[in-house]
Amino acid sequence: MTARTLTTDTPPLPPTARDVFGADLTAEQATSFNRARVATCTALALYRSGQELDHLSDDDIDTAVRALKFPYSRPSEETRAAIRAALAVLEADPTISVI
């Protein structure tokens, strides 16, 4: 299983919740924002790499998160679920394609 890693032609990872909002947010808001950030980036990388939702194990998802250089050794169950949901949206939309 491979996920396309970020290259010099790819935009940098999006900012964290604290980068966007500063200290003016709750811990729950920061967690939700950062989970969505990881999920969206990871799902997009998996989609671009041709990975399909029904063939991904937890280990595959963990590997994809690490390949994108997120500072986590292992994403939470909630983050994995968010990654799967984001990938399902990409797969379900026939207007989205990888060029």
PDB file of N, CA and C in Angstrom:
ATOM      1  N   MET A   1       0.848  -1.165   0.000  1.00  0.00           N
ATOM      2  CA  MET A   1       0.000   0.000   0.000  1.00  0.00           C
ATOM      3  C   MET A   1       0.888   1.220   0.000  1.00  0.00           C
ATOM      4  N   THR A   2       0.605   2.125  -0.911  1.00  0.00           N
ATOM      5  CA  THR A   2       1.355   3.365  -0.936  1.00  0.00           C
ATOM      6  C   THR A   2       0.389   4.528  -1.012  1.00  0.00           C
ATOM      7  N   ALA A   3       0.783   5.604  -0.422  1.00  0.00           N
ATOM      8  CA  ALA A   3       0.056   6.860  -0.559  1.00  0.00           C
ATOM      9  C   ALA A   3       1.031   7.832  -1.182  1.00  0.00           C
ATOM     10  N   ARG A   4       0.568   8.579  -2.130  1.00  0.00           N
ATOM     11  CA  ARG A   4       1.432   9.547  -2.788  1.00  0.00           C
ATOM     12  C   ARG A   4       1.913  10.553  -1.746  1.00  0.00           C
ATOM     13  N   THR A   5       3.211  10.647  -1.569  1.00  0.00           N
ATOM     14  CA  THR A   5       3.749  11.578  -0.587  1.00  0.00           C
ATOM     15  C   THR A   5       3.747  12.991  -1.146  1.00  0.00           C
ATOM     16  N   LEU A   6       3.840  13.925  -0.258  1.00  0.00           N
ATOM     17  CA  LEU A   6       3.876  15.319  -0.675  1.00  0.00           C
ATOM     18  C   LEU A   6       5.228  15.615  -1.296  1.00  0.00           C
ATOM     19  N   THR A   7       5.224  16.312  -2.398  1.00  0.00           N
ATOM     20  CA  THR A   7       6.464  16.654  -3.089  1.00  0.00           C
ATOM     21  C   THR A   7       6.566  18.160  -3.183  1.00  0.00           C
ATOM     22  N   THR A   8       7.615  18.633  -3.828  1.00  0.00           N
ATOM     23  CA  THR A   8       7.777  20.074  -3.967  1.00  0.00           C
ATOM     24  C   THR A   8       6.681  20.679  -4.836  1.00  0.00           C
ATOM     25  N   ASP A   9       6.020  19.874  -5.655  1.00  0.00           N
ATOM     26  CA  ASP A   9       4.934  20.367  -6.492  1.00  0.00           C
ATOM     27  C   ASP A   9       3.597  20.378  -5.768  1.00  0.00           C
ATOM     28  N   THR A  10       3.571  19.840  -4.559  1.00  0.00           N
ATOM     29  CA  THR A  10       2.346  19.726  -3.794  1.00  0.00           C
ATOM     30  C   THR A  10       2.333  20.800  -2.717  1.00  0.00           C
ATOM     31  N   PRO A  11       1.180  21.396  -2.472  1.00  0.00           N
ATOM     32  CA  PRO A  11       1.135  22.415  -1.423  1.00  0.00           C
ATOM     33  C   PRO A  11       1.506  21.822  -0.067  1.00  0.00           C
ATOM     34  N   PRO A  12       1.992  22.652   0.837  1.00  0.00           N
ATOM     35  CA  PRO A  12       2.328  22.147   2.170  1.00  0.00           C
ATOM     36  C   PRO A  12       1.067  21.695   2.902  1.00  0.00           C
ATOM     37  N   LEU A  13       1.268  20.952   3.978  1.00  0.00           N
ATOM     38  CA  LEU A  13       0.132  20.544   4.788  1.00  0.00           C
ATOM     39  C   LEU A  13      -0.622  21.788   5.261  1.00  0.00           C
ATOM     40  N   PRO A  14      -1.931  21.685   5.383  1.00  0.00           N
ATOM     41  CA  PRO A  14      -2.697  22.841   5.852  1.00  0.00           C
ATOM     42  C   PRO A  14      -2.345  23.168   7.300  1.00  0.00           C
ATOM     43  N   PRO A  15      -2.606  24.390   7.703  1.00  0.00           N
ATOM     44  CA  PRO A  15      -2.248  24.801   9.067  1.00  0.00           C
ATOM     45  C   PRO A  15      -3.066  24.045  10.115  1.00  0.00           C
ATOM     46  N   THR A  16      -2.517  23.992  11.312  1.00  0.00           N
ATOM     47  CA  THR A  16      -3.229  23.376  12.425  1.00  0.00           C
ATOM     48  C   THR A  16      -4.285  24.339  12.960  1.00  0.00           C
ATOM     49  N   ALA A  17      -5.125  23.838  13.822  1.00  0.00           N
ATOM     50  CA  ALA A  17      -6.178  24.664  14.419  1.00  0.00           C
ATOM     51  C   ALA A  17      -5.584  25.861  15.151  1.00  0.00           C
ATOM     52  N   ARG A  18      -4.540  25.654  15.895  1.00  0.00           N
ATOM     53  CA  ARG A  18      -3.906  26.763  16.633  1.00  0.00           C
ATOM     54  C   ARG A  18      -3.306  27.788  15.677  1.00  0.00           C
ATOM     55  N   ASP A  19      -2.772  27.324  14.533  1.00  0.00           N
ATOM     56  CA  ASP A  19      -2.239  28.262  13.539  1.00  0.00           C
ATOM     57  C   ASP A  19      -3.343  29.154  12.979  1.00  0.00           C
ATOM     58  N   VAL A  20      -4.517  28.588  12.793  1.00  0.00           N
ATOM     59  CA  VAL A  20      -5.629  29.328  12.194  1.00  0.00           C
ATOM     60  C   VAL A  20      -6.339  30.209  13.214  1.00  0.00           C
ATOM     61  N   PHE A  21      -6.633  29.621  14.381  1.00  0.00           N
ATOM     62  CA  PHE A  21      -7.466  30.313  15.364  1.00  0.00           C
ATOM     63  C   PHE A  21      -6.718  30.840  16.572  1.00  0.00           C
ATOM     64  N   GLY A  22      -5.452  30.517  16.700  1.00  0.00           N
ATOM     65  CA  GLY A  22      -4.708  30.905  17.892  1.00  0.00           C
ATOM     66  C   GLY A  22      -5.222  30.149  19.101  1.00  0.00           C
ATOM     67  N   ALA A  23      -5.132  30.767  20.237  1.00  0.00           N
ATOM     68  CA  ALA A  23      -5.564  30.118  21.480  1.00  0.00           C
ATOM     69  C   ALA A  23      -7.058  30.295  21.728  1.00  0.00           C
ATOM     70  N   ASP A  24      -7.742  30.928  20.790  1.00  0.00           N
ATOM     71  CA  ASP A  24      -9.147  31.273  20.984  1.00  0.00           C
ATOM     72  C   ASP A  24     -10.085  30.160  20.524  1.00  0.00           C
ATOM     73  N   LEU A  25      -9.861  28.945  21.002  1.00  0.00           N
ATOM     74  CA  LEU A  25     -10.748  27.837  20.702  1.00  0.00           C
ATOM     75  C   LEU A  25     -10.610  26.790  21.791  1.00  0.00           C
ATOM     76  N   THR A  26     -11.623  25.965  21.903  1.00  0.00           N
ATOM     77  CA  THR A  26     -11.597  24.920  22.931  1.00  0.00           C
ATOM     78  C   THR A  26     -10.762  23.735  22.457  1.00  0.00           C
ATOM     79  N   ALA A  27     -10.436  22.873  23.397  1.00  0.00           N
ATOM     80  CA  ALA A  27      -9.696  21.658  23.050  1.00  0.00           C
ATOM     81  C   ALA A  27     -10.510  20.790  22.093  1.00  0.00           C
ATOM     82  N   GLU A  28     -11.823  20.728  22.311  1.00  0.00           N
ATOM     83  CA  GLU A  28     -12.680  19.939  21.417  1.00  0.00           C
ATOM     84  C   GLU A  28     -12.681  20.512  20.001  1.00  0.00           C
ATOM     85  N   GLN A  29     -12.726  21.833  19.882  1.00  0.00           N
ATOM     86  CA  GLN A  29     -12.692  22.458  18.558  1.00  0.00           C
ATOM     87  C   GLN A  29     -11.359  22.182  17.864  1.00  0.00           C
ATOM     88  N   ALA A  30     -10.277  22.286  18.598  1.00  0.00           N
ATOM     89  CA  ALA A  30      -8.952  22.023  18.023  1.00  0.00           C
ATOM     90  C   ALA A  30      -8.844  20.574  17.565  1.00  0.00           C
ATOM     91  N   THR A  31      -9.336  19.650  18.373  1.00  0.00           N
ATOM     92  CA  THR A  31      -9.298  18.231  18.011  1.00  0.00           C
ATOM     93  C   THR A  31     -10.122  17.970  16.757  1.00  0.00           C
ATOM     94  N   SER A  32     -11.317  18.529  16.695  1.00  0.00           N
ATOM     95  CA  SER A  32     -12.181  18.331  15.513  1.00  0.00           C
ATOM     96  C   SER A  32     -11.539  18.902  14.261  1.00  0.00           C
ATOM     97  N   PHE A  33     -11.000  20.108  14.352  1.00  0.00           N
ATOM     98  CA  PHE A  33     -10.358  20.747  13.206  1.00  0.00           C
ATOM     99  C   PHE A  33      -9.173  19.909  12.733  1.00  0.00           C
ATOM    100  N   ASN A  34      -8.318  19.515  13.671  1.00  0.00           N
ATOM    101  CA  ASN A  34      -7.115  18.775  13.292  1.00  0.00           C
ATOM    102  C   ASN A  34      -7.444  17.385  12.770  1.00  0.00           C
ATOM    103  N   ARG A  35      -8.486  16.759  13.306  1.00  0.00           N
ATOM    104  CA  ARG A  35      -8.905  15.450  12.793  1.00  0.00           C
ATOM    105  C   ARG A  35      -9.384  15.589  11.346  1.00  0.00           C
ATOM    106  N   ALA A  36     -10.176  16.612  11.069  1.00  0.00           N
ATOM    107  CA  ALA A  36     -10.660  16.836   9.704  1.00  0.00           C
ATOM    108  C   ALA A  36      -9.495  17.143   8.766  1.00  0.00           C
ATOM    109  N   ARG A  37      -8.515  17.873   9.248  1.00  0.00           N
ATOM    110  CA  ARG A  37      -7.323  18.219   8.465  1.00  0.00           C
ATOM    111  C   ARG A  37      -6.571  16.954   8.054  1.00  0.00           C
ATOM    112  N   VAL A  38      -6.302  16.079   9.026  1.00  0.00           N
ATOM    113  CA  VAL A  38      -5.598  14.825   8.745  1.00  0.00           C
ATOM    114  C   VAL A  38      -6.434  13.944   7.824  1.00  0.00           C
ATOM    115  N   ALA A  39      -7.731  13.847   8.110  1.00  0.00           N
ATOM    116  CA  ALA A  39      -8.607  12.976   7.320  1.00  0.00           C
ATOM    117  C   ALA A  39      -8.681  13.419   5.873  1.00  0.00           C
ATOM    118  N   THR A  40      -8.847  14.709   5.650  1.00  0.00           N
ATOM    119  CA  THR A  40      -8.986  15.211   4.284  1.00  0.00           C
ATOM    120  C   THR A  40      -7.699  15.012   3.491  1.00  0.00           C
ATOM    121  N   CYS A  41      -6.579  15.385   4.072  1.00  0.00           N
ATOM    122  CA  CYS A  41      -5.294  15.221   3.377  1.00  0.00           C
ATOM    123  C   CYS A  41      -4.993  13.755   3.092  1.00  0.00           C
ATOM    124  N   THR A  42      -5.244  12.896   4.071  1.00  0.00           N
ATOM    125  CA  THR A  42      -4.952  11.474   3.897  1.00  0.00           C
ATOM    126  C   THR A  42      -5.873  10.839   2.865  1.00  0.00           C
ATOM    127  N   ALA A  43      -7.161  11.144   2.949  1.00  0.00           N
ATOM    128  CA  ALA A  43      -8.110  10.587   1.976  1.00  0.00           C
ATOM    129  C   ALA A  43      -7.759  11.033   0.565  1.00  0.00           C
ATOM    130  N   LEU A  44      -7.391  12.275   0.409  1.00  0.00           N
ATOM    131  CA  LEU A  44      -7.021  12.772  -0.917  1.00  0.00           C
ATOM    132  C   LEU A  44      -5.773  12.067  -1.434  1.00  0.00           C
ATOM    133  N   ALA A  45      -4.781  11.869  -0.579  1.00  0.00           N
ATOM    134  CA  ALA A  45      -3.565  11.161  -1.000  1.00  0.00           C
ATOM    135  C   ALA A  45      -3.875   9.714  -1.374  1.00  0.00           C
ATOM    136  N   LEU A  46      -4.723   9.057  -0.591  1.00  0.00           N
ATOM    137  CA  LEU A  46      -5.103   7.678  -0.905  1.00  0.00           C
ATOM    138  C   LEU A  46      -5.859   7.619  -2.227  1.00  0.00           C
ATOM    139  N   TYR A  47      -6.777   8.548  -2.429  1.00  0.00           N
ATOM    140  CA  TYR A  47      -7.573   8.592  -3.658  1.00  0.00           C
ATOM    141  C   TYR A  47      -6.671   8.817  -4.869  1.00  0.00           C
ATOM    142  N   ARG A  48      -5.749   9.756  -4.732  1.00  0.00           N
ATOM    143  CA  ARG A  48      -4.815  10.037  -5.829  1.00  0.00           C
ATOM    144  C   ARG A  48      -3.931   8.833  -6.144  1.00  0.00           C
ATOM    145  N   SER A  49      -3.685   8.006  -5.138  1.00  0.00           N
ATOM    146  CA  SER A  49      -2.835   6.818  -5.314  1.00  0.00           C
ATOM    147  C   SER A  49      -3.606   5.617  -5.823  1.00  0.00           C
ATOM    148  N   GLY A  50      -4.910   5.783  -6.033  1.00  0.00           N
ATOM    149  CA  GLY A  50      -5.717   4.690  -6.551  1.00  0.00           C
ATOM    150  C   GLY A  50      -6.177   3.693  -5.498  1.00  0.00           C
ATOM    151  N   GLN A  51      -6.024   4.024  -4.240  1.00  0.00           N
ATOM    152  CA  GLN A  51      -6.469   3.129  -3.172  1.00  0.00           C
ATOM    153  C   GLN A  51      -7.989   3.177  -3.068  1.00  0.00           C
ATOM    154  N   GLU A  52      -8.585   2.056  -2.744  1.00  0.00           N
ATOM    155  CA  GLU A  52     -10.039   1.983  -2.614  1.00  0.00           C
ATOM    156  C   GLU A  52     -10.419   1.654  -1.184  1.00  0.00           C
ATOM    157  N   LEU A  53     -11.508   2.253  -0.747  1.00  0.00           N
ATOM    158  CA  LEU A  53     -11.966   2.139   0.626  1.00  0.00           C
ATOM    159  C   LEU A  53     -12.125   0.696   1.080  1.00  0.00           C
ATOM    160  N   ASP A  54     -12.709  -0.133   0.250  1.00  0.00           N
ATOM    161  CA  ASP A  54     -13.003  -1.504   0.683  1.00  0.00           C
ATOM    162  C   ASP A  54     -11.766  -2.402   0.762  1.00  0.00           C
ATOM    163  N   HIS A  55     -10.603  -1.866   0.407  1.00  0.00           N
ATOM    164  CA  HIS A  55      -9.373  -2.652   0.477  1.00  0.00           C
ATOM    165  C   HIS A  55      -8.386  -2.115   1.509  1.00  0.00           C
ATOM    166  N   LEU A  56      -8.807  -1.154   2.327  1.00  0.00           N
ATOM    167  CA  LEU A  56      -7.881  -0.516   3.262  1.00  0.00           C
ATOM    168  C   LEU A  56      -8.020  -1.070   4.673  1.00  0.00           C
ATOM    169  N   SER A  57      -6.912  -1.492   5.230  1.00  0.00           N
ATOM    170  CA  SER A  57      -6.881  -1.929   6.631  1.00  0.00           C
ATOM    171  C   SER A  57      -6.476  -0.736   7.503  1.00  0.00           C
ATOM    172  N   ASP A  58      -6.590  -0.898   8.808  1.00  0.00           N
ATOM    173  CA  ASP A  58      -6.119   0.141   9.721  1.00  0.00           C
ATOM    174  C   ASP A  58      -4.634   0.406   9.508  1.00  0.00           C
ATOM    175  N   ASP A  59      -3.860  -0.650   9.274  1.00  0.00           N
ATOM    176  CA  ASP A  59      -2.421  -0.482   9.041  1.00  0.00           C
ATOM    177  C   ASP A  59      -2.153   0.327   7.780  1.00  0.00           C
ATOM    178  N   ASP A  60      -2.945   0.111   6.729  1.00  0.00           N
ATOM    179  CA  ASP A  60      -2.792   0.890   5.494  1.00  0.00           C
ATOM    180  C   ASP A  60      -3.042   2.373   5.762  1.00  0.00           C
ATOM    181  N   ILE A  61      -4.064   2.651   6.527  1.00  0.00           N
ATOM    182  CA  ILE A  61      -4.381   4.049   6.843  1.00  0.00           C
ATOM    183  C   ILE A  61      -3.277   4.661   7.697  1.00  0.00           C
ATOM    184  N   ASP A  62      -2.796   3.918   8.680  1.00  0.00           N
ATOM    185  CA  ASP A  62      -1.700   4.414   9.517  1.00  0.00           C
ATOM    186  C   ASP A  62      -0.466   4.733   8.675  1.00  0.00           C
ATOM    187  N   THR A  63      -0.164   3.855   7.725  1.00  0.00           N
ATOM    188  CA  THR A  63       0.982   4.061   6.836  1.00  0.00           C
ATOM    189  C   THR A  63       0.796   5.326   5.996  1.00  0.00           C
ATOM    190  N   ALA A  64      -0.418   5.541   5.515  1.00  0.00           N
ATOM    191  CA  ALA A  64      -0.689   6.733   4.704  1.00  0.00           C
ATOM    192  C   ALA A  64      -0.515   8.005   5.528  1.00  0.00           C
ATOM    193  N   VAL A  65      -0.989   8.000   6.765  1.00  0.00           N
ATOM    194  CA  VAL A  65      -0.831   9.174   7.632  1.00  0.00           C
ATOM    195  C   VAL A  65       0.645   9.458   7.859  1.00  0.00           C
ATOM    196  N   ARG A  66       1.422   8.421   8.132  1.00  0.00           N
ATOM    197  CA  ARG A  66       2.870   8.609   8.342  1.00  0.00           C
ATOM    198  C   ARG A  66       3.563   9.072   7.059  1.00  0.00           C
ATOM    199  N   ALA A  67       3.120   8.583   5.902  1.00  0.00           N
ATOM    200  CA  ALA A  67       3.736   8.978   4.627  1.00  0.00           C
ATOM    201  C   ALA A  67       3.561  10.466   4.364  1.00  0.00           C
ATOM    202  N   LEU A  68       2.490  11.042   4.890  1.00  0.00           N
ATOM    203  CA  LEU A  68       2.242  12.469   4.707  1.00  0.00           C
ATOM    204  C   LEU A  68       2.971  13.326   5.733  1.00  0.00           C
ATOM    205  N   LYS A  69       3.708  12.672   6.598  1.00  0.00           N
ATOM    206  CA  LYS A  69       4.555  13.346   7.593  1.00  0.00           C
ATOM    207  C   LYS A  69       3.752  14.067   8.678  1.00  0.00           C
ATOM    208  N   PHE A  70       2.535  13.562   8.969  1.00  0.00           N
ATOM    209  CA  PHE A  70       1.831  14.089  10.127  1.00  0.00           C
ATOM    210  C   PHE A  70       2.565  13.605  11.373  1.00  0.00           C
ATOM    211  N   PRO A  71       2.612  14.408  12.419  1.00  0.00           N
ATOM    212  CA  PRO A  71       3.404  14.043  13.603  1.00  0.00           C
ATOM    213  C   PRO A  71       2.690  13.060  14.533  1.00  0.00           C
ATOM    214  N   TYR A  72       2.190  11.995  13.970  1.00  0.00           N
ATOM    215  CA  TYR A  72       1.508  10.988  14.779  1.00  0.00           C
ATOM    216  C   TYR A  72       2.126   9.635  14.479  1.00  0.00           C
ATOM    217  N   SER A  73       2.265   8.823  15.495  1.00  0.00           N
ATOM    218  CA  SER A  73       2.753   7.479  15.241  1.00  0.00           C
ATOM    219  C   SER A  73       1.602   6.582  14.802  1.00  0.00           C
ATOM    220  N   ARG A  74       0.388   6.927  15.244  1.00  0.00           N
ATOM    221  CA  ARG A  74      -0.780   6.121  14.892  1.00  0.00           C
ATOM    222  C   ARG A  74      -2.029   6.984  15.091  1.00  0.00           C
ATOM    223  N   PRO A  75      -2.855   7.129  14.052  1.00  0.00           N
ATOM    224  CA  PRO A  75      -4.067   7.935  14.209  1.00  0.00           C
ATOM    225  C   PRO A  75      -5.091   7.219  15.096  1.00  0.00           C
ATOM    226  N   SER A  76      -5.963   7.986  15.710  1.00  0.00           N
ATOM    227  CA  SER A  76      -7.002   7.417  16.571  1.00  0.00           C
ATOM    228  C   SER A  76      -8.060   6.707  15.731  1.00  0.00           C
ATOM    229  N   GLU A  77      -8.888   5.929  16.406  1.00  0.00           N
ATOM    230  CA  GLU A  77     -10.010   5.262  15.730  1.00  0.00           C
ATOM    231  C   GLU A  77     -10.926   6.299  15.076  1.00  0.00           C
ATOM    232  N   GLU A  78     -11.142   7.412  15.763  1.00  0.00           N
ATOM    233  CA  GLU A  78     -12.000   8.468  15.220  1.00  0.00           C
ATOM    234  C   GLU A  78     -11.397   9.089  13.963  1.00  0.00           C
ATOM    235  N   THR A  79     -10.081   9.257  13.965  1.00  0.00           N
ATOM    236  CA  THR A  79      -9.421   9.818  12.783  1.00  0.00           C
ATOM    237  C   THR A  79      -9.474   8.831  11.623  1.00  0.00           C
ATOM    238  N   ARG A  80      -9.266   7.546  11.903  1.00  0.00           N
ATOM    239  CA  ARG A  80      -9.382   6.542  10.841  1.00  0.00           C
ATOM    240  C   ARG A  80     -10.790   6.538  10.253  1.00  0.00           C
ATOM    241  N   ALA A  81     -11.798   6.659  11.103  1.00  0.00           N
ATOM    242  CA  ALA A  81     -13.182   6.701  10.615  1.00  0.00           C
ATOM    243  C   ALA A  81     -13.399   7.940   9.747  1.00  0.00           C
ATOM    244  N   ALA A  82     -12.836   9.066  10.147  1.00  0.00           N
ATOM    245  CA  ALA A  82     -12.970  10.291   9.354  1.00  0.00           C
ATOM    246  C   ALA A  82     -12.250  10.155   8.014  1.00  0.00           C
ATOM    247  N   ILE A  83     -11.114   9.482   7.985  1.00  0.00           N
ATOM    248  CA  ILE A  83     -10.390   9.238   6.734  1.00  0.00           C
ATOM    249  C   ILE A  83     -11.244   8.369   5.812  1.00  0.00           C
ATOM    250  N   ARG A  84     -11.814   7.316   6.365  1.00  0.00           N
ATOM    251  CA  ARG A  84     -12.666   6.440   5.556  1.00  0.00           C
ATOM    252  C   ARG A  84     -13.887   7.197   5.019  1.00  0.00           C
ATOM    253  N   ALA A  85     -14.484   8.054   5.840  1.00  0.00           N
ATOM    254  CA  ALA A  85     -15.644   8.830   5.390  1.00  0.00           C
ATOM    255  C   ALA A  85     -15.256   9.787   4.269  1.00  0.00           C
ATOM    256  N   ALA A  86     -14.126  10.468   4.410  1.00  0.00           N
ATOM    257  CA  ALA A  86     -13.685  11.400   3.367  1.00  0.00           C
ATOM    258  C   ALA A  86     -13.365  10.655   2.074  1.00  0.00           C
ATOM    259  N   LEU A  87     -12.732   9.481   2.184  1.00  0.00           N
ATOM    260  CA  LEU A  87     -12.425   8.690   0.989  1.00  0.00           C
ATOM    261  C   LEU A  87     -13.709   8.199   0.328  1.00  0.00           C
ATOM    262  N   ALA A  88     -14.697   7.828   1.125  1.00  0.00           N
ATOM    263  CA  ALA A  88     -15.985   7.388   0.573  1.00  0.00           C
ATOM    264  C   ALA A  88     -16.655   8.503  -0.219  1.00  0.00           C
ATOM    265  N   VAL A  89     -16.551   9.730   0.267  1.00  0.00           N
ATOM    266  CA  VAL A  89     -17.119  10.872  -0.465  1.00  0.00           C
ATOM    267  C   VAL A  89     -16.415  11.028  -1.812  1.00  0.00           C
ATOM    268  N   LEU A  90     -15.099  10.952  -1.804  1.00  0.00           N
ATOM    269  CA  LEU A  90     -14.344  11.085  -3.067  1.00  0.00           C
ATOM    270  C   LEU A  90     -14.713   9.983  -4.048  1.00  0.00           C
ATOM    271  N   GLU A  91     -14.815   8.748  -3.547  1.00  0.00           N
ATOM    272  CA  GLU A  91     -15.145   7.624  -4.424  1.00  0.00           C
ATOM    273  C   GLU A  91     -16.563   7.716  -4.970  1.00  0.00           C
ATOM    274  N   ALA A  92     -17.474   8.282  -4.206  1.00  0.00           N
ATOM    275  CA  ALA A  92     -18.887   8.323  -4.601  1.00  0.00           C
ATOM    276  C   ALA A  92     -19.190   9.409  -5.624  1.00  0.00           C
ATOM    277  N   ASP A  93     -18.334  10.403  -5.731  1.00  0.00           N
ATOM    278  CA  ASP A  93     -18.596  11.535  -6.629  1.00  0.00           C
ATOM    279  C   ASP A  93     -17.983  11.277  -8.001  1.00  0.00           C
ATOM    280  N   PRO A  94     -18.800  11.024  -9.010  1.00  0.00           N
ATOM    281  CA  PRO A  94     -18.266  10.712 -10.340  1.00  0.00           C
ATOM    282  C   PRO A  94     -17.617  11.907 -11.033  1.00  0.00           C
ATOM    283  N   THR A  95     -17.779  13.102 -10.484  1.00  0.00           N
ATOM    284  CA  THR A  95     -17.177  14.279 -11.114  1.00  0.00           C
ATOM    285  C   THR A  95     -15.745  14.520 -10.658  1.00  0.00           C
ATOM    286  N   ILE A  96     -15.276  13.746  -9.667  1.00  0.00           N
ATOM    287  CA  ILE A  96     -13.907  13.899  -9.160  1.00  0.00           C
ATOM    288  C   ILE A  96     -13.042  12.861  -9.846  1.00  0.00           C
ATOM    289  N   SER A  97     -11.931  13.307 -10.402  1.00  0.00           N
ATOM    290  CA  SER A  97     -11.029  12.359 -11.050  1.00  0.00           C
ATOM    291  C   SER A  97      -9.585  12.765 -10.767  1.00  0.00           C
ATOM    292  N   VAL A  98      -8.699  11.808 -10.880  1.00  0.00           N
ATOM    293  CA  VAL A  98      -7.285  12.053 -10.702  1.00  0.00           C
ATOM    294  C   VAL A  98      -6.676  12.283 -12.068  1.00  0.00           C
ATOM    295  N   ILE A  99      -5.974  13.359 -12.186  1.00  0.00           N
ATOM    296  CA  ILE A  99      -5.340  13.700 -13.462  1.00  0.00           C
ATOM    297  C   ILE A  99      -3.884  13.266 -13.448  1.00  0.00           C
TER     298      ILE A  99
END
